[in-house]
PDB file of N, CA and C in Angstrom:
ATOM      1  N   UNK A   1      23.445 -48.288 -42.188  1.00  0.00           N
ATOM      2  CA  UNK A   1      23.674 -48.056 -40.767  1.00  0.00           C
ATOM      3  C   UNK A   1      22.386 -48.368 -40.571  1.00  0.00           C
ATOM      4  N   UNK A   2      21.876 -49.459 -39.404  1.00  0.00           N
ATOM      5  CA  UNK A   2      20.605 -49.425 -38.867  1.00  0.00           C
ATOM      6  C   UNK A   2      20.440 -48.247 -37.780  1.00  0.00           C
ATOM      7  N   UNK A   3      18.905 -47.770 -37.668  1.00  0.00           N
ATOM      8  CA  UNK A   3      18.727 -46.311 -36.786  1.00  0.00           C
ATOM      9  C   UNK A   3      18.136 -47.487 -35.533  1.00  0.00           C
ATOM     10  N   UNK A   4      19.174 -47.400 -34.298  1.00  0.00           N
ATOM     11  CA  UNK A   4      17.844 -48.160 -33.411  1.00  0.00           C
ATOM     12  C   UNK A   4      16.802 -47.336 -33.071  1.00  0.00           C
ATOM     13  N   UNK A   5      15.870 -48.164 -32.522  1.00  0.00           N
ATOM     14  CA  UNK A   5      14.422 -47.289 -32.317  1.00  0.00           C
ATOM     15  C   UNK A   5      14.526 -46.787 -30.909  1.00  0.00           C
ATOM     16  N   UNK A   6      13.976 -45.773 -30.774  1.00  0.00           N
ATOM     17  CA  UNK A   6      14.354 -45.411 -29.209  1.00  0.00           C
ATOM     18  C   UNK A   6      12.644 -45.469 -28.805  1.00  0.00           C
ATOM     19  N   UNK A   7      12.328 -46.046 -27.501  1.00  0.00           N
ATOM     20  CA  UNK A   7      11.161 -45.948 -26.966  1.00  0.00           C
ATOM     21  C   UNK A   7      11.167 -44.754 -25.804  1.00  0.00           C
ATOM     22  N   UNK A   8      10.279 -43.690 -26.131  1.00  0.00           N
ATOM     23  CA  UNK A   8      10.085 -42.325 -25.459  1.00  0.00           C
ATOM     24  C   UNK A   8       8.600 -42.811 -24.042  1.00  0.00           C
ATOM     25  N   UNK A   9       9.594 -43.004 -22.853  1.00  0.00           N
ATOM     26  CA  UNK A   9       8.525 -43.503 -22.208  1.00  0.00           C
ATOM     27  C   UNK A   9       8.181 -41.903 -20.908  1.00  0.00           C
ATOM     28  N   UNK A  10       7.042 -41.830 -20.918  1.00  0.00           N
ATOM     29  CA  UNK A  10       6.345 -40.606 -20.390  1.00  0.00           C
ATOM     30  C   UNK A  10       5.545 -41.074 -19.364  1.00  0.00           C
ATOM     31  N   UNK A  11       5.695 -40.523 -17.977  1.00  0.00           N
ATOM     32  CA  UNK A  11       4.864 -40.891 -16.754  1.00  0.00           C
ATOM     33  C   UNK A  11       4.757 -40.049 -16.620  1.00  0.00           C
ATOM     34  N   UNK A  12       2.963 -39.993 -16.304  1.00  0.00           N
ATOM     35  CA  UNK A  12       2.008 -38.943 -15.787  1.00  0.00           C
ATOM     36  C   UNK A  12       1.278 -39.326 -14.879  1.00  0.00           C
ATOM     37  N   UNK A  13       0.679 -38.234 -14.236  1.00  0.00           N
ATOM     38  CA  UNK A  13      -0.254 -37.875 -12.664  1.00  0.00           C
ATOM     39  C   UNK A  13      -0.956 -36.562 -12.677  1.00  0.00           C
ATOM     40  N   UNK A  14      -1.772 -36.696 -13.391  1.00  0.00           N
ATOM     41  CA  UNK A  14      -2.916 -35.118 -13.149  1.00  0.00           C
ATOM     42  C   UNK A  14      -1.837 -34.225 -13.361  1.00  0.00           C
ATOM     43  N   UNK A  15      -1.512 -34.124 -14.844  1.00  0.00           N
ATOM     44  CA  UNK A  15      -0.657 -32.976 -15.330  1.00  0.00           C
ATOM     45  C   UNK A  15      -1.473 -32.508 -16.663  1.00  0.00           C
ATOM     46  N   UNK A  16      -2.920 -32.285 -16.384  1.00  0.00           N
ATOM     47  CA  UNK A  16      -3.388 -32.088 -17.580  1.00  0.00           C
ATOM     48  C   UNK A  16      -3.191 -30.387 -18.321  1.00  0.00           C
ATOM     49  N   UNK A  17      -2.324 -29.550 -17.583  1.00  0.00           N
ATOM     50  CA  UNK A  17      -1.947 -28.020 -18.128  1.00  0.00           C
ATOM     51  C   UNK A  17      -0.359 -28.765 -18.447  1.00  0.00           C
ATOM     52  N   UNK A  18       0.118 -29.408 -18.958  1.00  0.00           N
ATOM     53  CA  UNK A  18       1.474 -29.775 -19.508  1.00  0.00           C
ATOM     54  C   UNK A  18       1.253 -30.701 -20.307  1.00  0.00           C
ATOM     55  N   UNK A  19       0.816 -32.059 -20.274  1.00  0.00           N
ATOM     56  CA  UNK A  19       0.719 -33.224 -20.798  1.00  0.00           C
ATOM     57  C   UNK A  19       0.835 -32.794 -22.718  1.00  0.00           C
ATOM     58  N   UNK A  20      -0.075 -32.346 -23.059  1.00  0.00           N
ATOM     59  CA  UNK A  20       0.033 -31.782 -24.523  1.00  0.00           C
ATOM     60  C   UNK A  20       1.007 -31.363 -25.139  1.00  0.00           C
ATOM     61  N   UNK A  21       1.911 -30.735 -24.102  1.00  0.00           N
ATOM     62  CA  UNK A  21       2.755 -29.314 -24.633  1.00  0.00           C
ATOM     63  C   UNK A  21       4.056 -30.601 -24.699  1.00  0.00           C
ATOM     64  N   UNK A  22       4.089 -31.507 -23.619  1.00  0.00           N
ATOM     65  CA  UNK A  22       5.007 -32.643 -23.459  1.00  0.00           C
ATOM     66  C   UNK A  22       5.190 -33.631 -24.750  1.00  0.00           C
ATOM     67  N   UNK A  23       3.705 -34.282 -25.344  1.00  0.00           N
ATOM     68  CA  UNK A  23       3.878 -34.920 -26.224  1.00  0.00           C
ATOM     69  C   UNK A  23       4.405 -34.115 -27.669  1.00  0.00           C
ATOM     70  N   UNK A  24       3.838 -33.010 -27.824  1.00  0.00           N
ATOM     71  CA  UNK A  24       4.238 -32.072 -28.747  1.00  0.00           C
ATOM     72  C   UNK A  24       5.521 -31.745 -28.752  1.00  0.00           C
ATOM     73  N   UNK A  25       6.604 -31.937 -27.504  1.00  0.00           N
ATOM     74  CA  UNK A  25       8.134 -31.739 -27.432  1.00  0.00           C
ATOM     75  C   UNK A  25       8.440 -32.631 -28.275  1.00  0.00           C
ATOM     76  N   UNK A  26       8.097 -33.954 -28.102  1.00  0.00           N
ATOM     77  CA  UNK A  26       8.616 -35.802 -28.598  1.00  0.00           C
ATOM     78  C   UNK A  26       8.163 -35.948 -29.808  1.00  0.00           C
ATOM     79  N   UNK A  27       6.552 -35.208 -30.491  1.00  0.00           N
ATOM     80  CA  UNK A  27       6.284 -35.144 -31.732  1.00  0.00           C
ATOM     81  C   UNK A  27       7.425 -34.859 -32.708  1.00  0.00           C
ATOM     82  N   UNK A  28       7.755 -33.898 -32.118  1.00  0.00           N
ATOM     83  CA  UNK A  28       8.982 -32.838 -33.062  1.00  0.00           C
ATOM     84  C   UNK A  28       9.545 -33.618 -32.978  1.00  0.00           C
ATOM     85  N   UNK A  29      10.365 -34.505 -32.649  1.00  0.00           N
ATOM     86  CA  UNK A  29      11.745 -34.314 -32.633  1.00  0.00           C
ATOM     87  C   UNK A  29      11.777 -35.461 -34.103  1.00  0.00           C
ATOM     88  N   UNK A  30      12.689 -34.978 -34.837  1.00  0.00           N
ATOM     89  CA  UNK A  30      13.098 -35.669 -36.415  1.00  0.00           C
ATOM     90  C   UNK A  30      13.774 -36.908 -36.240  1.00  0.00           C
ATOM     91  N   UNK A  31      13.606 -37.541 -35.241  1.00  0.00           N
ATOM     92  CA  UNK A  31      14.612 -39.283 -35.170  1.00  0.00           C
ATOM     93  C   UNK A  31      13.534 -40.182 -35.941  1.00  0.00           C
ATOM     94  N   UNK A  32      14.048 -40.772 -36.810  1.00  0.00           N
ATOM     95  CA  UNK A  32      13.410 -41.626 -37.542  1.00  0.00           C
ATOM     96  C   UNK A  32      12.608 -42.633 -36.785  1.00  0.00           C
ATOM     97  N   UNK A  33      13.161 -43.217 -35.710  1.00  0.00           N
ATOM     98  CA  UNK A  33      12.955 -44.355 -35.370  1.00  0.00           C
ATOM     99  C   UNK A  33      12.343 -44.177 -34.160  1.00  0.00           C
ATOM    100  N   UNK A  34      11.189 -43.875 -33.605  1.00  0.00           N
ATOM    101  CA  UNK A  34      10.601 -43.663 -32.517  1.00  0.00           C
ATOM    102  C   UNK A  34       8.912 -44.195 -32.174  1.00  0.00           C
ATOM    103  N   UNK A  35       9.184 -44.807 -30.930  1.00  0.00           N
ATOM    104  CA  UNK A  35       7.881 -44.851 -30.160  1.00  0.00           C
ATOM    105  C   UNK A  35       7.793 -44.161 -29.030  1.00  0.00           C
ATOM    106  N   UNK A  36       6.388 -43.943 -28.521  1.00  0.00           N
ATOM    107  CA  UNK A  36       6.108 -42.906 -27.572  1.00  0.00           C
ATOM    108  C   UNK A  36       4.981 -43.983 -26.777  1.00  0.00           C
ATOM    109  N   UNK A  37       5.519 -44.443 -25.457  1.00  0.00           N
ATOM    110  CA  UNK A  37       4.576 -44.954 -24.079  1.00  0.00           C
ATOM    111  C   UNK A  37       4.262 -44.001 -23.355  1.00  0.00           C
ATOM    112  N   UNK A  38       2.749 -43.585 -23.529  1.00  0.00           N
ATOM    113  CA  UNK A  38       2.612 -42.724 -22.061  1.00  0.00           C
ATOM    114  C   UNK A  38       2.008 -43.717 -21.038  1.00  0.00           C
ATOM    115  N   UNK A  39       2.450 -43.751 -19.970  1.00  0.00           N
ATOM    116  CA  UNK A  39       1.659 -44.370 -18.389  1.00  0.00           C
ATOM    117  C   UNK A  39       1.133 -43.686 -17.742  1.00  0.00           C
ATOM    118  N   UNK A  40      -0.301 -43.652 -17.470  1.00  0.00           N
ATOM    119  CA  UNK A  40      -0.886 -42.505 -16.302  1.00  0.00           C
ATOM    120  C   UNK A  40      -1.290 -43.415 -15.558  1.00  0.00           C
ATOM    121  N   UNK A  41      -0.956 -42.444 -14.106  1.00  0.00           N
ATOM    122  CA  UNK A  41      -1.088 -43.704 -12.860  1.00  0.00           C
ATOM    123  C   UNK A  41      -2.339 -42.829 -12.458  1.00  0.00           C
ATOM    124  N   UNK A  42      -3.328 -43.161 -13.303  1.00  0.00           N
ATOM    125  CA  UNK A  42      -4.993 -43.171 -12.505  1.00  0.00           C
ATOM    126  C   UNK A  42      -5.457 -41.654 -12.393  1.00  0.00           C
ATOM    127  N   UNK A  43      -4.942 -40.858 -13.113  1.00  0.00           N
ATOM    128  CA  UNK A  43      -5.283 -39.550 -12.886  1.00  0.00           C
ATOM    129  C   UNK A  43      -6.877 -38.983 -12.773  1.00  0.00           C
ATOM    130  N   UNK A  44      -6.966 -37.904 -12.076  1.00  0.00           N
ATOM    131  CA  UNK A  44      -8.444 -37.871 -11.715  1.00  0.00           C
ATOM    132  C   UNK A  44      -8.753 -36.319 -12.238  1.00  0.00           C
ATOM    133  N   UNK A  45      -7.693 -36.039 -13.196  1.00  0.00           N
ATOM    134  CA  UNK A  45      -8.436 -34.771 -13.866  1.00  0.00           C
ATOM    135  C   UNK A  45      -8.521 -34.875 -15.560  1.00  0.00           C
ATOM    136  N   UNK A  46      -8.125 -34.141 -16.201  1.00  0.00           N
ATOM    137  CA  UNK A  46      -8.524 -34.440 -17.470  1.00  0.00           C
ATOM    138  C   UNK A  46      -7.055 -35.401 -18.551  1.00  0.00           C
ATOM    139  N   UNK A  47      -6.040 -35.178 -17.994  1.00  0.00           N
ATOM    140  CA  UNK A  47      -5.417 -35.796 -18.115  1.00  0.00           C
ATOM    141  C   UNK A  47      -5.535 -37.248 -19.485  1.00  0.00           C
ATOM    142  N   UNK A  48      -5.671 -38.557 -19.070  1.00  0.00           N
ATOM    143  CA  UNK A  48      -6.873 -39.054 -19.706  1.00  0.00           C
ATOM    144  C   UNK A  48      -7.199 -39.028 -20.794  1.00  0.00           C
ATOM    145  N   UNK A  49      -8.127 -38.229 -20.638  1.00  0.00           N
ATOM    146  CA  UNK A  49      -8.900 -37.556 -22.049  1.00  0.00           C
ATOM    147  C   UNK A  49      -7.994 -36.914 -22.837  1.00  0.00           C
ATOM    148  N   UNK A  50      -7.066 -36.064 -22.843  1.00  0.00           N
ATOM    149  CA  UNK A  50      -6.188 -35.325 -23.225  1.00  0.00           C
ATOM    150  C   UNK A  50      -4.935 -36.476 -23.681  1.00  0.00           C
ATOM    151  N   UNK A  51      -5.007 -37.627 -23.342  1.00  0.00           N
ATOM    152  CA  UNK A  51      -3.698 -38.407 -23.736  1.00  0.00           C
ATOM    153  C   UNK A  51      -4.697 -39.636 -24.967  1.00  0.00           C
ATOM    154  N   UNK A  52      -6.006 -39.434 -24.698  1.00  0.00           N
ATOM    155  CA  UNK A  52      -6.794 -40.220 -25.968  1.00  0.00           C
ATOM    156  C   UNK A  52      -6.832 -39.444 -27.078  1.00  0.00           C
ATOM    157  N   UNK A  53      -7.250 -38.502 -26.913  1.00  0.00           N
ATOM    158  CA  UNK A  53      -7.427 -37.351 -28.245  1.00  0.00           C
ATOM    159  C   UNK A  53      -5.811 -37.176 -28.586  1.00  0.00           C
ATOM    160  N   UNK A  54      -4.898 -36.967 -27.873  1.00  0.00           N
ATOM    161  CA  UNK A  54      -3.058 -37.246 -28.621  1.00  0.00           C
ATOM    162  C   UNK A  54      -3.271 -38.842 -29.382  1.00  0.00           C
ATOM    163  N   UNK A  55      -3.506 -39.895 -29.072  1.00  0.00           N
ATOM    164  CA  UNK A  55      -3.467 -41.014 -29.726  1.00  0.00           C
ATOM    165  C   UNK A  55      -4.268 -41.459 -30.711  1.00  0.00           C
ATOM    166  N   UNK A  56      -5.456 -40.873 -30.403  1.00  0.00           N
ATOM    167  CA  UNK A  56      -6.149 -40.649 -31.677  1.00  0.00           C
ATOM    168  C   UNK A  56      -5.266 -39.631 -32.956  1.00  0.00           C
ATOM    169  N   UNK A  57      -5.051 -38.818 -32.465  1.00  0.00           N
ATOM    170  CA  UNK A  57      -4.360 -37.895 -33.621  1.00  0.00           C
ATOM    171  C   UNK A  57      -2.884 -38.683 -34.061  1.00  0.00           C
ATOM    172  N   UNK A  58      -2.382 -39.197 -33.225  1.00  0.00           N
ATOM    173  CA  UNK A  58      -0.910 -40.303 -33.878  1.00  0.00           C
ATOM    174  C   UNK A  58      -1.138 -41.746 -33.145  1.00  0.00           C
ATOM    175  N   UNK A  59      -2.216 -42.687 -34.072  1.00  0.00           N
ATOM    176  CA  UNK A  59      -1.997 -43.908 -33.528  1.00  0.00           C
ATOM    177  C   UNK A  59      -1.108 -45.007 -33.693  1.00  0.00           C
ATOM    178  N   UNK A  60      -0.291 -44.272 -34.888  1.00  0.00           N
ATOM    179  CA  UNK A  60       1.092 -45.188 -34.991  1.00  0.00           C
ATOM    180  C   UNK A  60       2.240 -44.975 -34.191  1.00  0.00           C
ATOM    181  N   UNK A  61       2.225 -43.820 -33.550  1.00  0.00           N
ATOM    182  CA  UNK A  61       2.963 -43.059 -32.732  1.00  0.00           C
ATOM    183  C   UNK A  61       2.866 -43.187 -31.163  1.00  0.00           C
ATOM    184  N   UNK A  62       2.100 -43.465 -30.739  1.00  0.00           N
ATOM    185  CA  UNK A  62       1.392 -42.942 -29.184  1.00  0.00           C
ATOM    186  C   UNK A  62       0.799 -44.555 -28.836  1.00  0.00           C
ATOM    187  N   UNK A  63       1.211 -45.031 -27.962  1.00  0.00           N
ATOM    188  CA  UNK A  63       0.640 -45.875 -26.820  1.00  0.00           C
ATOM    189  C   UNK A  63       0.355 -45.593 -25.829  1.00  0.00           C
ATOM    190  N   UNK A  64      -0.926 -46.317 -24.817  1.00  0.00           N
ATOM    191  CA  UNK A  64      -1.148 -45.466 -23.684  1.00  0.00           C
ATOM    192  C   UNK A  64      -1.175 -46.843 -22.604  1.00  0.00           C
ATOM    193  N   UNK A  65      -1.085 -46.451 -21.513  1.00  0.00           N
ATOM    194  CA  UNK A  65      -1.009 -47.688 -20.537  1.00  0.00           C
ATOM    195  C   UNK A  65      -1.768 -46.851 -19.635  1.00  0.00           C
ATOM    196  N   UNK A  66      -2.979 -46.949 -19.440  1.00  0.00           N
ATOM    197  CA  UNK A  66      -3.599 -46.004 -18.210  1.00  0.00           C
ATOM    198  C   UNK A  66      -3.914 -46.769 -17.311  1.00  0.00           C
ATOM    199  N   UNK A  67      -3.806 -46.452 -15.842  1.00  0.00           N
ATOM    200  CA  UNK A  67      -4.085 -47.354 -14.668  1.00  0.00           C
ATOM    201  C   UNK A  67      -5.527 -46.561 -14.403  1.00  0.00           C
ATOM    202  N   UNK A  68      -6.321 -47.275 -13.914  1.00  0.00           N
ATOM    203  CA  UNK A  68      -7.573 -47.064 -13.147  1.00  0.00           C
ATOM    204  C   UNK A  68      -7.189 -46.602 -11.790  1.00  0.00           C
ATOM    205  N   UNK A  69      -6.127 -46.989 -11.028  1.00  0.00           N
ATOM    206  CA  UNK A  69      -6.055 -46.117  -9.931  1.00  0.00           C
ATOM    207  C   UNK A  69      -4.618 -45.812  -9.475  1.00  0.00           C
ATOM    208  N   UNK A  70      -4.293 -45.016  -8.531  1.00  0.00           N
ATOM    209  CA  UNK A  70      -2.860 -44.659  -8.275  1.00  0.00           C
ATOM    210  C   UNK A  70      -1.975 -45.538  -8.069  1.00  0.00           C
ATOM    211  N   UNK A  71      -1.020 -45.954  -8.464  1.00  0.00           N
ATOM    212  CA  UNK A  71      -0.567 -47.466  -7.694  1.00  0.00           C
ATOM    213  C   UNK A  71       1.094 -46.424  -7.149  1.00  0.00           C
ATOM    214  N   UNK A  72       1.666 -45.498  -7.827  1.00  0.00           N
ATOM    215  CA  UNK A  72       2.841 -44.918  -7.168  1.00  0.00           C
ATOM    216  C   UNK A  72       3.824 -45.108  -8.337  1.00  0.00           C
ATOM    217  N   UNK A  73       4.589 -44.584  -8.259  1.00  0.00           N
ATOM    218  CA  UNK A  73       5.395 -43.822  -9.327  1.00  0.00           C
ATOM    219  C   UNK A  73       6.202 -45.569  -9.953  1.00  0.00           C
ATOM    220  N   UNK A  74       6.991 -46.353  -9.064  1.00  0.00           N
ATOM    221  CA  UNK A  74       7.702 -47.093  -9.585  1.00  0.00           C
ATOM    222  C   UNK A  74       6.553 -48.422 -10.547  1.00  0.00           C
ATOM    223  N   UNK A  75       5.420 -48.257 -10.091  1.00  0.00           N
ATOM    224  CA  UNK A  75       4.314 -49.351 -10.742  1.00  0.00           C
ATOM    225  C   UNK A  75       4.106 -48.667 -11.999  1.00  0.00           C
ATOM    226  N   UNK A  76       3.918 -47.199 -11.742  1.00  0.00           N
ATOM    227  CA  UNK A  76       3.591 -46.633 -13.047  1.00  0.00           C
ATOM    228  C   UNK A  76       5.177 -46.527 -14.330  1.00  0.00           C
ATOM    229  N   UNK A  77       6.136 -46.534 -13.892  1.00  0.00           N
ATOM    230  CA  UNK A  77       7.181 -46.752 -14.432  1.00  0.00           C
ATOM    231  C   UNK A  77       6.874 -47.992 -15.140  1.00  0.00           C
ATOM    232  N   UNK A  78       7.248 -49.105 -14.512  1.00  0.00           N
ATOM    233  CA  UNK A  78       7.392 -50.469 -14.908  1.00  0.00           C
ATOM    234  C   UNK A  78       6.050 -50.842 -15.887  1.00  0.00           C
ATOM    235  N   UNK A  79       4.964 -49.934 -15.827  1.00  0.00           N
ATOM    236  CA  UNK A  79       4.181 -50.314 -16.507  1.00  0.00           C
ATOM    237  C   UNK A  79       4.187 -49.768 -18.291  1.00  0.00           C
ATOM    238  N   UNK A  80       4.849 -49.037 -18.064  1.00  0.00           N
ATOM    239  CA  UNK A  80       5.108 -48.303 -19.485  1.00  0.00           C
ATOM    240  C   UNK A  80       6.449 -49.228 -19.514  1.00  0.00           C
ATOM    241  N   UNK A  81       7.811 -49.318 -19.070  1.00  0.00           N
ATOM    242  CA  UNK A  81       8.798 -50.325 -19.722  1.00  0.00           C
ATOM    243  C   UNK A  81       8.401 -51.357 -20.107  1.00  0.00           C
ATOM    244  N   UNK A  82       7.684 -52.164 -19.972  1.00  0.00           N
ATOM    245  CA  UNK A  82       6.728 -53.482 -20.079  1.00  0.00           C
ATOM    246  C   UNK A  82       6.442 -53.418 -21.307  1.00  0.00           C
ATOM    247  N   UNK A  83       6.081 -52.245 -22.059  1.00  0.00           N
ATOM    248  CA  UNK A  83       5.677 -52.213 -23.229  1.00  0.00           C
ATOM    249  C   UNK A  83       6.561 -51.833 -24.303  1.00  0.00           C
ATOM    250  N   UNK A  84       7.247 -51.266 -24.213  1.00  0.00           N
ATOM    251  CA  UNK A  84       8.471 -51.033 -24.845  1.00  0.00           C
ATOM    252  C   UNK A  84       9.337 -52.105 -25.877  1.00  0.00           C
ATOM    253  N   UNK A  85       9.818 -51.791 -26.964  1.00  0.00           N
ATOM    254  CA  UNK A  85       9.982 -52.357 -27.927  1.00  0.00           C
ATOM    255  C   UNK A  85      11.446 -51.805 -28.484  1.00  0.00           C
ATOM    256  N   UNK A  86      11.705 -50.756 -28.410  1.00  0.00           N
ATOM    257  CA  UNK A  86      12.890 -49.968 -28.604  1.00  0.00           C
ATOM    258  C   UNK A  86      14.334 -50.416 -28.161  1.00  0.00           C
ATOM    259  N   UNK A  87      15.501 -50.546 -28.561  1.00  0.00           N
ATOM    260  CA  UNK A  87      16.512 -50.747 -28.506  1.00  0.00           C
ATOM    261  C   UNK A  87      16.892 -49.924 -27.371  1.00  0.00           C
ATOM    262  N   UNK A  88      16.692 -48.469 -27.169  1.00  0.00           N
ATOM    263  CA  UNK A  88      17.565 -47.554 -26.576  1.00  0.00           C
ATOM    264  C   UNK A  88      16.482 -46.931 -25.697  1.00  0.00           C
ATOM    265  N   UNK A  89      16.268 -46.239 -24.683  1.00  0.00           N
ATOM    266  CA  UNK A  89      14.675 -45.629 -23.871  1.00  0.00           C
ATOM    267  C   UNK A  89      15.169 -44.458 -23.147  1.00  0.00           C
ATOM    268  N   UNK A  90      14.364 -43.553 -23.616  1.00  0.00           N
ATOM    269  CA  UNK A  90      14.303 -42.448 -23.092  1.00  0.00           C
ATOM    270  C   UNK A  90      13.452 -42.101 -22.237  1.00  0.00           C
ATOM    271  N   UNK A  91      13.359 -41.056 -20.854  1.00  0.00           N
ATOM    272  CA  UNK A  91      11.903 -40.641 -20.474  1.00  0.00           C
ATOM    273  C   UNK A  91      11.976 -39.155 -20.054  1.00  0.00           C
ATOM    274  N   UNK A  92      10.642 -38.865 -19.838  1.00  0.00           N
ATOM    275  CA  UNK A  92      10.271 -37.251 -19.174  1.00  0.00           C
ATOM    276  C   UNK A  92       9.258 -37.995 -18.273  1.00  0.00           C
ATOM    277  N   UNK A  93       8.780 -36.790 -17.771  1.00  0.00           N
ATOM    278  CA  UNK A  93       7.554 -36.933 -16.748  1.00  0.00           C
ATOM    279  C   UNK A  93       6.507 -35.982 -17.334  1.00  0.00           C
ATOM    280  N   UNK A  94       5.499 -36.112 -16.931  1.00  0.00           N
ATOM    281  CA  UNK A  94       4.350 -35.400 -17.936  1.00  0.00           C
ATOM    282  C   UNK A  94       3.927 -34.075 -18.181  1.00  0.00           C
ATOM    283  N   UNK A  95       5.414 -33.512 -16.886  1.00  0.00           N
ATOM    284  CA  UNK A  95       5.779 -32.042 -17.222  1.00  0.00           C
ATOM    285  C   UNK A  95       6.613 -31.492 -17.909  1.00  0.00           C
ATOM    286  N   UNK A  96       7.528 -32.182 -18.692  1.00  0.00           N
ATOM    287  CA  UNK A  96       9.035 -32.021 -19.568  1.00  0.00           C
ATOM    288  C   UNK A  96       8.632 -31.700 -20.821  1.00  0.00           C
ATOM    289  N   UNK A  97       9.584 -31.075 -21.301  1.00  0.00           N
ATOM    290  CA  UNK A  97       9.800 -31.099 -22.730  1.00  0.00           C
ATOM    291  C   UNK A  97      10.924 -31.509 -23.028  1.00  0.00           C
ATOM    292  N   UNK A  98      10.951 -31.875 -24.409  1.00  0.00           N
ATOM    293  CA  UNK A  98      12.265 -32.680 -25.105  1.00  0.00           C
ATOM    294  C   UNK A  98      12.132 -31.614 -25.935  1.00  0.00           C
ATOM    295  N   UNK A  99      13.871 -30.997 -25.669  1.00  0.00           N
ATOM    296  CA  UNK A  99      14.326 -30.206 -26.478  1.00  0.00           C
ATOM    297  C   UNK A  99      14.782 -30.648 -27.859  1.00  0.00           C
ATOM    298  N   UNK A 100      14.318 -29.950 -29.093  1.00  0.00           N
ATOM    299  CA  UNK A 100      14.531 -30.334 -30.368  1.00  0.00           C
ATOM    300  C   UNK A 100      16.017 -30.645 -30.736  1.00  0.00           C
ATOM    301  N   UNK A 101      16.396 -31.953 -31.026  1.00  0.00           N
ATOM    302  CA  UNK A 101      17.313 -32.243 -31.700  1.00  0.00           C
ATOM    303  C   UNK A 101      17.976 -33.598 -30.641  1.00  0.00           C
ATOM    304  N   UNK A 102      17.152 -33.511 -29.346  1.00  0.00           N
ATOM    305  CA  UNK A 102      17.099 -34.408 -28.229  1.00  0.00           C
ATOM    306  C   UNK A 102      17.741 -35.869 -28.391  1.00  0.00           C
ATOM    307  N   UNK A 103      16.919 -36.235 -29.402  1.00  0.00           N
ATOM    308  CA  UNK A 103      17.135 -37.692 -29.785  1.00  0.00           C
ATOM    309  C   UNK A 103      18.257 -38.197 -30.852  1.00  0.00           C
ATOM    310  N   UNK A 104      18.187 -36.868 -31.575  1.00  0.00           N
ATOM    311  CA  UNK A 104      19.231 -37.343 -32.630  1.00  0.00           C
ATOM    312  C   UNK A 104      20.542 -37.517 -32.400  1.00  0.00           C
TER     313      UNK A 104
END
């Protein structure tokens, strides 16, 4: 049986206090066919730096789509959706958690 790829889309804006825990909750999923796309909407706090560090730790799993200015929620979501390659899509905001077993 072919396991479909799930594109997990995370949209962020100034969520430095939460975004690492959000990413960790997705990275902890046991689902084998998973890509993570994080779209940041021009954050002015440390969110982009945190995202870069996470991507460096997991370059094969995390893809970033960073904006240089705030364009609003629809533009940020669309930026991420254009990058997904999975057959299925799940999404979170940068201050949400994915419970264990969610994707299974």
